[in-house]
Amino acid sequence: MMRFYENKGKVLAIVVFVLMVICVAVILYHNEQINFENISMLTQKKDHNGSNYIKCQLFSNLGTQNYLTLEMAIPYENKTQCDDLTQNIERIKSDMLTNINQEEMKNWVRMRDFVAIKGELLKVINKHTKQPIEHIYFDSFLYQ
């Protein structure tokens, strides 16, 4: 009975090692089928009309006590435009946070002027893309 308890740690280590080897083998075998875009925070989706779009989330403070959280869908027409958006999305988000006038944005949000907000966001997006984006859609818009 004593030997069983002495070897218990060794047996457990061997079992864990074998399970890890099996997991690595499965991952390597199915590597071609894993789609990392589904795991990414930057998602590409299709709406009910079959249009392709990239989702983009933006969190910003407006002033000292107010926060703006918005989630946009940026539709693209072809793979080239999708690749261009995907490559530049971090620059676009950074530019939205740093270069949009906070006072103007605060006024647009208070007045619910979504046309002005979309127009300003489109300017920033199109500054960083080769093929212009014509529309963006808000999935969520939260101002608190």
C-alpha atoms as a PDB file:
ATOM      1  CA  MET A   1       0.000   0.000   0.000  1.00  0.00           C
ATOM      2  CA  MET A   2       2.858   2.348   0.787  1.00  0.00           C
ATOM      3  CA  ARG A   3       4.355   1.937  -2.686  1.00  0.00           C
ATOM      4  CA  PHE A   4       1.129   3.053  -4.315  1.00  0.00           C
ATOM      5  CA  TYR A   5       1.252   6.397  -2.502  1.00  0.00           C
ATOM      6  CA  GLU A   6       4.947   6.831  -3.282  1.00  0.00           C
ATOM      7  CA  ASN A   7       4.376   6.294  -7.023  1.00  0.00           C
ATOM      8  CA  LYS A   8       1.169   8.329  -7.151  1.00  0.00           C
ATOM      9  CA  GLY A   9       3.046  11.558  -7.963  1.00  0.00           C
ATOM     10  CA  LYS A  10       5.020   9.904 -10.750  1.00  0.00           C
ATOM     11  CA  VAL A  11       1.890   8.375 -12.260  1.00  0.00           C
ATOM     12  CA  LEU A  12       0.086  11.728 -12.147  1.00  0.00           C
ATOM     13  CA  ALA A  13       3.020  13.477 -13.842  1.00  0.00           C
ATOM     14  CA  ILE A  14       3.101  10.845 -16.603  1.00  0.00           C
ATOM     15  CA  VAL A  15      -0.670  11.138 -17.173  1.00  0.00           C
ATOM     16  CA  VAL A  16      -0.467  14.953 -17.401  1.00  0.00           C
ATOM     17  CA  PHE A  17       2.467  14.703 -19.817  1.00  0.00           C
ATOM     18  CA  VAL A  18       0.629  12.227 -22.052  1.00  0.00           C
ATOM     19  CA  LEU A  19      -2.466  14.459 -22.111  1.00  0.00           C
ATOM     20  CA  MET A  20      -0.337  17.463 -23.077  1.00  0.00           C
ATOM     21  CA  VAL A  21       1.278  15.505 -25.917  1.00  0.00           C
ATOM     22  CA  ILE A  22      -2.154  14.445 -27.184  1.00  0.00           C
ATOM     23  CA  CYS A  23      -3.413  18.064 -27.075  1.00  0.00           C
ATOM     24  CA  VAL A  24      -0.371  19.333 -28.982  1.00  0.00           C
ATOM     25  CA  ALA A  25      -0.804  16.579 -31.578  1.00  0.00           C
ATOM     26  CA  VAL A  26      -4.472  17.462 -32.057  1.00  0.00           C
ATOM     27  CA  ILE A  27      -3.677  21.169 -32.417  1.00  0.00           C
ATOM     28  CA  LEU A  28      -0.934  20.499 -34.955  1.00  0.00           C
ATOM     29  CA  TYR A  29      -3.155  18.117 -36.895  1.00  0.00           C
ATOM     30  CA  HIS A  30      -6.066  20.583 -37.043  1.00  0.00           C
ATOM     31  CA  ASN A  31      -3.913  23.705 -37.364  1.00  0.00           C
ATOM     32  CA  GLU A  32      -5.133  24.413 -40.889  1.00  0.00           C
ATOM     33  CA  GLN A  33      -8.744  24.390 -39.741  1.00  0.00           C
ATOM     34  CA  ILE A  34      -8.323  26.804 -36.835  1.00  0.00           C
ATOM     35  CA  ASN A  35      -9.616  30.261 -37.756  1.00  0.00           C
ATOM     36  CA  PHE A  36      -7.918  32.801 -35.522  1.00  0.00           C
ATOM     37  CA  GLU A  37     -10.220  35.605 -36.763  1.00  0.00           C
ATOM     38  CA  ASN A  38     -12.995  34.011 -34.720  1.00  0.00           C
ATOM     39  CA  ILE A  39     -10.850  34.338 -31.604  1.00  0.00           C
ATOM     40  CA  SER A  40      -9.681  37.881 -32.347  1.00  0.00           C
ATOM     41  CA  MET A  41     -11.267  40.973 -30.814  1.00  0.00           C
ATOM     42  CA  LEU A  42     -11.452  42.391 -34.327  1.00  0.00           C
ATOM     43  CA  THR A  43     -14.213  40.345 -35.892  1.00  0.00           C
ATOM     44  CA  GLN A  44     -15.389  40.055 -39.444  1.00  0.00           C
ATOM     45  CA  LYS A  45     -19.009  39.171 -39.845  1.00  0.00           C
ATOM     46  CA  LYS A  46     -21.875  39.105 -42.288  1.00  0.00           C
ATOM     47  CA  ASP A  47     -25.209  40.731 -41.637  1.00  0.00           C
ATOM     48  CA  HIS A  48     -28.582  39.332 -42.681  1.00  0.00           C
ATOM     49  CA  ASN A  49     -28.121  40.860 -46.176  1.00  0.00           C
ATOM     50  CA  GLY A  50     -24.809  39.063 -46.655  1.00  0.00           C
ATOM     51  CA  SER A  51     -22.718  42.243 -46.390  1.00  0.00           C
ATOM     52  CA  ASN A  52     -19.278  41.883 -44.880  1.00  0.00           C
ATOM     53  CA  TYR A  53     -18.203  44.157 -42.082  1.00  0.00           C
ATOM     54  CA  ILE A  54     -15.589  44.582 -39.389  1.00  0.00           C
ATOM     55  CA  LYS A  55     -16.646  45.403 -35.840  1.00  0.00           C
ATOM     56  CA  CYS A  56     -14.706  48.045 -33.982  1.00  0.00           C
ATOM     57  CA  GLN A  57     -15.104  48.994 -30.319  1.00  0.00           C
ATOM     58  CA  LEU A  58     -14.092  52.368 -28.986  1.00  0.00           C
ATOM     59  CA  PHE A  59     -13.993  53.499 -25.352  1.00  0.00           C
ATOM     60  CA  SER A  60     -13.291  57.132 -24.551  1.00  0.00           C
ATOM     61  CA  ASN A  61     -13.793  59.632 -21.791  1.00  0.00           C
ATOM     62  CA  LEU A  62     -15.472  62.918 -22.653  1.00  0.00           C
ATOM     63  CA  GLY A  63     -14.466  65.367 -20.003  1.00  0.00           C
ATOM     64  CA  THR A  64     -13.690  64.285 -16.477  1.00  0.00           C
ATOM     65  CA  GLN A  65     -16.846  62.372 -15.571  1.00  0.00           C
ATOM     66  CA  ASN A  66     -18.447  61.218 -18.821  1.00  0.00           C
ATOM     67  CA  TYR A  67     -17.618  58.120 -20.823  1.00  0.00           C
ATOM     68  CA  LEU A  68     -18.496  57.143 -24.371  1.00  0.00           C
ATOM     69  CA  THR A  69     -18.588  53.514 -25.401  1.00  0.00           C
ATOM     70  CA  LEU A  70     -19.452  52.766 -28.975  1.00  0.00           C
ATOM     71  CA  GLU A  71     -19.358  49.708 -31.152  1.00  0.00           C
ATOM     72  CA  MET A  72     -19.369  50.224 -34.900  1.00  0.00           C
ATOM     73  CA  ALA A  73     -19.749  48.006 -37.893  1.00  0.00           C
ATOM     74  CA  ILE A  74     -17.563  49.114 -40.784  1.00  0.00           C
ATOM     75  CA  PRO A  75     -18.765  47.479 -44.015  1.00  0.00           C
ATOM     76  CA  TYR A  76     -16.258  46.623 -46.721  1.00  0.00           C
ATOM     77  CA  GLU A  77     -16.797  45.836 -50.386  1.00  0.00           C
ATOM     78  CA  ASN A  78     -13.984  43.410 -51.176  1.00  0.00           C
ATOM     79  CA  LYS A  79     -11.021  41.537 -49.710  1.00  0.00           C
ATOM     80  CA  THR A  80      -8.583  44.349 -50.534  1.00  0.00           C
ATOM     81  CA  GLN A  81     -10.639  46.851 -48.591  1.00  0.00           C
ATOM     82  CA  CYS A  82     -11.014  44.364 -45.731  1.00  0.00           C
ATOM     83  CA  ASP A  83      -7.254  43.813 -45.559  1.00  0.00           C
ATOM     84  CA  ASP A  84      -6.666  47.565 -45.653  1.00  0.00           C
ATOM     85  CA  LEU A  85      -9.091  48.104 -42.749  1.00  0.00           C
ATOM     86  CA  THR A  86      -7.656  45.221 -40.768  1.00  0.00           C
ATOM     87  CA  GLN A  87      -4.093  46.497 -41.146  1.00  0.00           C
ATOM     88  CA  ASN A  88      -4.983  50.059 -40.184  1.00  0.00           C
ATOM     89  CA  ILE A  89      -7.667  49.545 -37.527  1.00  0.00           C
ATOM     90  CA  GLU A  90      -5.343  50.267 -34.590  1.00  0.00           C
ATOM     91  CA  ARG A  91      -4.186  53.537 -36.191  1.00  0.00           C
ATOM     92  CA  ILE A  92      -7.798  54.455 -36.900  1.00  0.00           C
ATOM     93  CA  LYS A  93      -8.835  53.829 -33.299  1.00  0.00           C
ATOM     94  CA  SER A  94      -5.845  55.754 -31.980  1.00  0.00           C
ATOM     95  CA  ASP A  95      -6.596  58.677 -34.301  1.00  0.00           C
ATOM     96  CA  MET A  96     -10.249  58.669 -33.216  1.00  0.00           C
ATOM     97  CA  LEU A  97      -9.201  58.910 -29.581  1.00  0.00           C
ATOM     98  CA  THR A  98      -6.529  61.569 -30.001  1.00  0.00           C
ATOM     99  CA  ASN A  99      -7.571  63.807 -32.882  1.00  0.00           C
ATOM    100  CA  ILE A 100     -11.325  64.211 -32.565  1.00  0.00           C
ATOM    101  CA  ASN A 101     -12.164  67.387 -30.659  1.00  0.00           C
ATOM    102  CA  GLN A 102     -13.644  66.293 -27.321  1.00  0.00           C
ATOM    103  CA  GLU A 103     -15.767  69.423 -26.897  1.00  0.00           C
ATOM    104  CA  GLU A 104     -17.349  68.978 -30.330  1.00  0.00           C
ATOM    105  CA  MET A 105     -17.932  65.281 -29.662  1.00  0.00           C
ATOM    106  CA  LYS A 106     -19.498  66.086 -26.281  1.00  0.00           C
ATOM    107  CA  ASN A 107     -21.873  68.574 -27.941  1.00  0.00           C
ATOM    108  CA  TRP A 108     -22.787  66.120 -30.726  1.00  0.00           C
ATOM    109  CA  VAL A 109     -23.510  63.401 -28.175  1.00  0.00           C
ATOM    110  CA  ARG A 110     -25.648  65.687 -26.020  1.00  0.00           C
ATOM    111  CA  MET A 111     -27.617  66.842 -29.083  1.00  0.00           C
ATOM    112  CA  ARG A 112     -27.837  63.259 -30.416  1.00  0.00           C
ATOM    113  CA  ASP A 113     -26.331  64.447 -33.718  1.00  0.00           C
ATOM    114  CA  PHE A 114     -25.396  61.001 -35.000  1.00  0.00           C
ATOM    115  CA  VAL A 115     -24.909  62.316 -38.549  1.00  0.00           C
ATOM    116  CA  ALA A 116     -22.109  64.617 -37.364  1.00  0.00           C
ATOM    117  CA  ILE A 117     -20.560  61.866 -35.250  1.00  0.00           C
ATOM    118  CA  LYS A 118     -20.601  59.389 -38.141  1.00  0.00           C
ATOM    119  CA  GLY A 119     -19.216  62.042 -40.485  1.00  0.00           C
ATOM    120  CA  GLU A 120     -16.283  62.756 -38.176  1.00  0.00           C
ATOM    121  CA  LEU A 121     -15.569  59.056 -37.662  1.00  0.00           C
ATOM    122  CA  LEU A 122     -15.727  58.449 -41.429  1.00  0.00           C
ATOM    123  CA  LYS A 123     -13.183  61.258 -41.987  1.00  0.00           C
ATOM    124  CA  VAL A 124     -10.770  59.530 -39.613  1.00  0.00           C
ATOM    125  CA  ILE A 125     -11.350  56.086 -41.162  1.00  0.00           C
ATOM    126  CA  ASN A 126     -10.918  57.356 -44.720  1.00  0.00           C
ATOM    127  CA  LYS A 127      -7.736  59.209 -43.776  1.00  0.00           C
ATOM    128  CA  HIS A 128      -6.122  55.826 -43.104  1.00  0.00           C
ATOM    129  CA  THR A 129      -7.619  53.691 -45.893  1.00  0.00           C
ATOM    130  CA  LYS A 130      -6.834  53.521 -49.594  1.00  0.00           C
ATOM    131  CA  GLN A 131     -10.380  52.825 -50.754  1.00  0.00           C
ATOM    132  CA  PRO A 132     -12.931  55.076 -49.015  1.00  0.00           C
ATOM    133  CA  ILE A 133     -15.580  53.722 -46.679  1.00  0.00           C
ATOM    134  CA  GLU A 134     -18.992  55.213 -47.359  1.00  0.00           C
ATOM    135  CA  HIS A 135     -20.995  54.147 -44.304  1.00  0.00           C
ATOM    136  CA  ILE A 136     -20.561  53.026 -40.744  1.00  0.00           C
ATOM    137  CA  TYR A 137     -23.241  51.663 -38.459  1.00  0.00           C
ATOM    138  CA  PHE A 138     -23.488  51.867 -34.696  1.00  0.00           C
ATOM    139  CA  ASP A 139     -24.239  48.566 -32.977  1.00  0.00           C
ATOM    140  CA  SER A 140     -24.180  50.183 -29.571  1.00  0.00           C
ATOM    141  CA  PHE A 141     -23.760  53.726 -28.372  1.00  0.00           C
ATOM    142  CA  LEU A 142     -23.521  54.343 -24.637  1.00  0.00           C
ATOM    143  CA  TYR A 143     -22.856  57.723 -23.049  1.00  0.00           C
ATOM    144  CA  GLN A 144     -22.736  57.944 -19.277  1.00  0.00           C
END
